[in-house]
Amino acid sequence: MSEVRALLFDMDGTLAATDHLHADVFAEVLAPHGFTVDADFYAQKIAGRTNRLIFQELFPGLSDTEADAMSEAKEAAFRAAHPALDPLPGLADFIASAKVRGLQIALVTNAPRANADHVLDAIGLMSHFSEIVTVDVVARGKPHPDPYQEALRRFGLAPHQAIAFEDSPTGLRAALAAGVATAGLATSLAPQALLDLGARWAFQDYRGVQLDTLLAEAG
């Protein structure tokens, strides 16, 4: 019988395909400063990182307060521009099957709490998440293990008692550093790239993903 007691989900690119939406907002915010946010720029400078780090690296010398102010403005623009979002295909049924099996569900994200609430409300799954760990409540965001360690602490679980779901190199590093078996969602990277980064499984979306198989293989 599997010892897994919880599923820990990243948000952007894992619950909903929002990376391209964030890229558009970053492009609008950064264009006046001479930055062009194309696919390479987004992958190298933005994807999976905390906003504070993003803005401080793009604008050397920026204080934490100044970087956080830029972050809040950017995320407010994202929420205003995208009041409606679609969950990844199969996600709702997958989470429903987890709830039937008595598994705990947590959100573990580098996004601020306001974004977490917005996205979960927009995709209609807020009620299923008993814990929400955002960048606001940990000392260090991903790629550090702190967010996943906090989720495990809240549930009172050991790393082998959870499965994480991630889509970015940064997120995978965080989950794996916390010792959590991780499934990769191929919304921005190819399945093989996710496996090469350490994901135990890789899926395009949640359609056809067999939860019982994951639980058995996770141990």
Protein backbone atom coordinates (compact mmCIF):
# COMPACT_ATOMS: atom_id res chain seq x y z
CA MET A 1 0.00 0.00 0.00
CA SER A 2 1.36 3.43 -0.96
CA GLU A 3 2.66 5.70 1.79
CA VAL A 4 1.83 8.81 -0.24
CA ARG A 5 -0.58 11.06 1.66
CA ALA A 6 -0.41 14.35 -0.26
CA LEU A 7 -0.09 15.88 -3.71
CA LEU A 8 1.82 19.17 -3.92
CA PHE A 9 1.14 21.30 -7.00
CA ASP A 10 3.05 24.18 -8.48
CA MET A 11 0.73 26.74 -10.05
CA ASP A 12 1.78 28.55 -13.25
CA GLY A 13 2.30 26.03 -16.02
CA THR A 14 1.19 23.18 -13.75
CA LEU A 15 -2.42 23.99 -12.87
CA ALA A 16 -3.03 26.30 -15.83
CA ALA A 17 -1.01 27.23 -18.92
CA THR A 18 -0.27 30.78 -17.80
CA ASP A 19 3.39 31.22 -18.71
CA HIS A 20 2.61 32.93 -22.01
CA LEU A 21 0.18 35.25 -20.22
CA HIS A 22 2.83 36.24 -17.69
CA ALA A 23 5.31 36.72 -20.54
CA ASP A 24 2.95 39.20 -22.19
CA VAL A 25 2.58 41.20 -18.97
CA PHE A 26 6.33 41.20 -18.34
CA ALA A 27 6.83 42.41 -21.92
CA GLU A 28 4.51 45.36 -21.29
CA VAL A 29 6.14 46.20 -17.96
CA LEU A 30 9.73 45.93 -19.21
CA ALA A 31 9.40 47.44 -22.70
CA PRO A 32 9.72 51.05 -21.44
CA HIS A 33 13.05 50.05 -19.87
CA GLY A 34 14.47 48.71 -23.15
CA PHE A 35 13.92 45.00 -22.59
CA THR A 36 12.44 42.71 -25.22
CA VAL A 37 10.76 39.69 -23.64
CA ASP A 38 10.97 36.92 -26.21
CA ALA A 39 10.89 33.18 -25.54
CA ASP A 40 14.61 32.96 -24.77
CA PHE A 41 14.53 35.98 -22.46
CA TYR A 42 11.56 34.57 -20.57
CA ALA A 43 13.14 31.12 -20.20
CA GLN A 44 16.50 32.48 -19.05
CA LYS A 45 15.54 35.49 -16.94
CA ILE A 46 12.00 34.90 -15.67
CA ALA A 47 10.56 31.38 -15.75
CA GLY A 48 10.23 29.78 -12.34
CA ARG A 49 12.03 32.53 -10.42
CA THR A 50 10.79 34.88 -7.72
CA ASN A 51 9.77 38.33 -8.91
CA ARG A 52 12.08 40.01 -6.42
CA LEU A 53 15.09 38.22 -7.90
CA ILE A 54 13.92 38.88 -11.46
CA PHE A 55 13.63 42.63 -10.96
CA GLN A 56 16.80 42.97 -8.88
CA GLU A 57 18.85 41.18 -11.54
CA LEU A 58 17.35 43.26 -14.34
CA PHE A 59 17.77 46.49 -12.35
CA PRO A 60 20.96 46.18 -10.27
CA GLY A 61 20.84 48.12 -7.03
CA LEU A 62 17.09 47.83 -6.64
CA SER A 63 16.12 47.44 -2.98
CA ASP A 64 13.82 44.68 -1.77
CA THR A 65 11.09 47.25 -1.23
CA GLU A 66 11.47 48.67 -4.72
CA ALA A 67 11.58 45.23 -6.33
CA ASP A 68 8.50 44.15 -4.39
CA ALA A 69 6.64 47.26 -5.54
CA MET A 70 7.44 46.43 -9.17
CA SER A 71 6.33 42.85 -8.54
CA GLU A 72 3.02 43.92 -7.03
CA ALA A 73 2.31 46.19 -10.00
CA LYS A 74 3.15 43.47 -12.48
CA GLU A 75 0.99 40.84 -10.75
CA ALA A 76 -1.93 43.26 -10.36
CA ALA A 77 -1.72 43.80 -14.13
CA PHE A 78 -1.76 40.04 -14.70
CA ARG A 79 -4.83 39.53 -12.52
CA ALA A 80 -6.69 42.41 -14.17
CA ALA A 81 -5.88 41.18 -17.67
CA HIS A 82 -6.89 37.54 -17.04
CA PRO A 83 -9.98 37.21 -14.85
CA ALA A 84 -10.85 33.85 -16.43
CA LEU A 85 -8.44 30.92 -16.79
CA ASP A 86 -8.74 27.30 -17.84
CA PRO A 87 -7.20 24.44 -15.85
CA LEU A 88 -4.93 22.08 -17.71
CA PRO A 89 -6.92 19.32 -19.41
CA GLY A 90 -7.85 16.54 -17.01
CA LEU A 91 -6.77 18.43 -13.89
CA ALA A 92 -10.19 18.67 -12.25
CA ASP A 93 -10.86 14.96 -12.62
CA PHE A 94 -7.35 14.09 -11.44
CA ILE A 95 -7.73 16.16 -8.26
CA ALA A 96 -11.21 14.73 -7.69
CA SER A 97 -9.76 11.22 -7.83
CA ALA A 98 -7.11 12.25 -5.30
CA LYS A 99 -9.75 13.59 -2.93
CA VAL A 100 -11.73 10.36 -3.20
CA ARG A 101 -8.60 8.51 -2.07
CA GLY A 102 -8.25 10.82 0.93
CA LEU A 103 -5.10 12.57 -0.27
CA GLN A 104 -4.27 16.07 0.97
CA ILE A 105 -3.79 18.74 -1.70
CA ALA A 106 -1.46 21.75 -1.44
CA LEU A 107 -0.41 24.59 -3.69
CA VAL A 108 3.33 25.37 -3.62
CA THR A 109 4.25 28.41 -5.69
CA ASN A 110 6.71 31.27 -6.08
CA ALA A 111 3.74 33.53 -6.79
CA PRO A 112 2.29 35.90 -4.16
CA ARG A 113 -0.85 34.93 -2.25
CA ALA A 114 -3.06 37.30 -4.24
CA ASN A 115 -2.14 35.43 -7.44
CA ALA A 116 -2.68 32.04 -5.82
CA ASP A 117 -6.18 33.03 -4.74
CA HIS A 118 -6.90 34.51 -8.17
CA VAL A 119 -5.78 31.46 -10.15
CA LEU A 120 -7.47 28.89 -7.89
CA ASP A 121 -10.71 30.87 -8.02
CA ALA A 122 -10.43 31.33 -11.79
CA ILE A 123 -10.01 27.60 -12.45
CA GLY A 124 -12.67 26.67 -9.92
CA LEU A 125 -10.51 24.49 -7.66
CA MET A 126 -9.95 26.63 -4.56
CA SER A 127 -12.01 24.37 -2.30
CA HIS A 128 -9.77 21.37 -3.00
CA PHE A 129 -6.56 22.96 -1.69
CA SER A 130 -6.24 22.61 2.07
CA GLU A 131 -2.85 24.36 2.19
CA ILE A 132 -1.43 27.21 0.11
CA VAL A 133 2.29 27.93 0.34
CA THR A 134 3.32 31.10 -1.49
CA VAL A 135 6.53 33.10 -1.69
CA ASP A 136 5.15 35.39 1.03
CA VAL A 137 5.48 32.78 3.78
CA VAL A 138 8.95 31.27 3.25
CA ALA A 139 12.44 32.67 3.71
CA ARG A 140 13.54 31.52 0.25
CA GLY A 141 11.51 30.68 -2.83
CA LYS A 142 12.22 28.00 -5.41
CA PRO A 143 14.77 26.70 -6.48
CA HIS A 144 15.40 26.36 -2.74
CA PRO A 145 13.46 23.53 -1.06
CA ASP A 146 11.84 25.84 1.51
CA PRO A 147 8.35 26.02 -0.09
CA TYR A 148 8.06 22.23 -0.35
CA GLN A 149 9.48 21.75 3.12
CA GLU A 150 6.85 24.15 4.44
CA ALA A 151 4.05 22.21 2.75
CA LEU A 152 5.35 18.96 4.23
CA ARG A 153 5.63 20.59 7.66
CA ARG A 154 2.02 21.78 7.53
CA PHE A 155 0.81 18.29 6.67
CA GLY A 156 3.16 16.60 9.16
CA LEU A 157 4.59 14.40 6.41
CA ALA A 158 7.99 13.08 5.38
CA PRO A 159 9.20 13.73 1.80
CA HIS A 160 8.43 10.17 0.66
CA GLN A 161 4.78 10.68 1.63
CA ALA A 162 4.14 13.26 -1.12
CA ILE A 163 4.30 13.67 -4.88
CA ALA A 164 5.05 17.07 -6.41
CA PHE A 165 3.89 18.38 -9.79
CA GLU A 166 6.12 20.92 -11.57
CA ASP A 167 6.81 22.33 -15.01
CA SER A 168 10.04 24.37 -14.68
CA PRO A 169 13.69 23.59 -13.93
CA THR A 170 13.51 25.87 -10.91
CA GLY A 171 10.48 24.10 -9.51
CA LEU A 172 11.92 20.66 -10.16
CA ARG A 173 15.11 21.59 -8.33
CA ALA A 174 13.08 22.79 -5.35
CA ALA A 175 10.94 19.67 -5.11
CA LEU A 176 13.85 17.30 -5.61
CA ALA A 177 15.97 19.18 -3.07
CA ALA A 178 13.14 18.62 -0.60
CA GLY A 179 13.29 14.90 -1.39
CA VAL A 180 9.86 14.71 -3.02
CA ALA A 181 9.20 12.48 -6.04
CA THR A 182 8.14 14.77 -8.85
CA ALA A 183 5.97 14.58 -11.95
CA GLY A 184 6.79 17.03 -14.73
CA LEU A 185 4.13 18.79 -16.81
CA ALA A 186 5.33 19.47 -20.35
CA THR A 187 3.71 22.88 -20.79
CA SER A 188 7.00 24.66 -21.49
CA LEU A 189 9.61 21.88 -21.67
CA ALA A 190 9.60 18.61 -23.60
CA PRO A 191 8.86 15.46 -21.58
CA GLN A 192 12.40 14.16 -22.04
CA ALA A 193 13.84 17.45 -20.80
CA LEU A 194 11.78 17.12 -17.63
CA LEU A 195 13.00 13.56 -17.13
CA ASP A 196 16.58 14.68 -17.71
CA LEU A 197 16.11 17.29 -14.97
CA GLY A 198 15.10 14.60 -12.51
CA ALA A 199 11.34 14.21 -12.87
CA ARG A 200 10.25 10.63 -12.22
CA TRP A 201 7.32 10.97 -14.62
CA ALA A 202 6.49 13.43 -17.42
CA PHE A 203 3.05 14.21 -18.84
CA GLN A 204 1.65 16.64 -21.39
CA ASP A 205 -1.35 17.26 -19.15
CA TYR A 206 -3.47 15.24 -16.70
CA ARG A 207 -5.62 13.36 -19.21
CA GLY A 208 -5.11 9.66 -18.82
CA VAL A 209 -2.70 10.00 -15.90
CA GLN A 210 -3.35 7.05 -13.61
CA LEU A 211 -3.15 8.18 -10.01
CA ASP A 212 -3.02 4.61 -8.70
CA THR A 213 0.05 3.96 -10.86
CA LEU A 214 1.80 7.09 -9.54
CA LEU A 215 1.03 6.13 -5.96
CA ALA A 216 2.34 2.60 -6.46
CA GLU A 217 5.51 3.74 -8.19
CA ALA A 218 6.18 6.46 -5.62
CA GLY A 219 6.16 3.78 -2.89
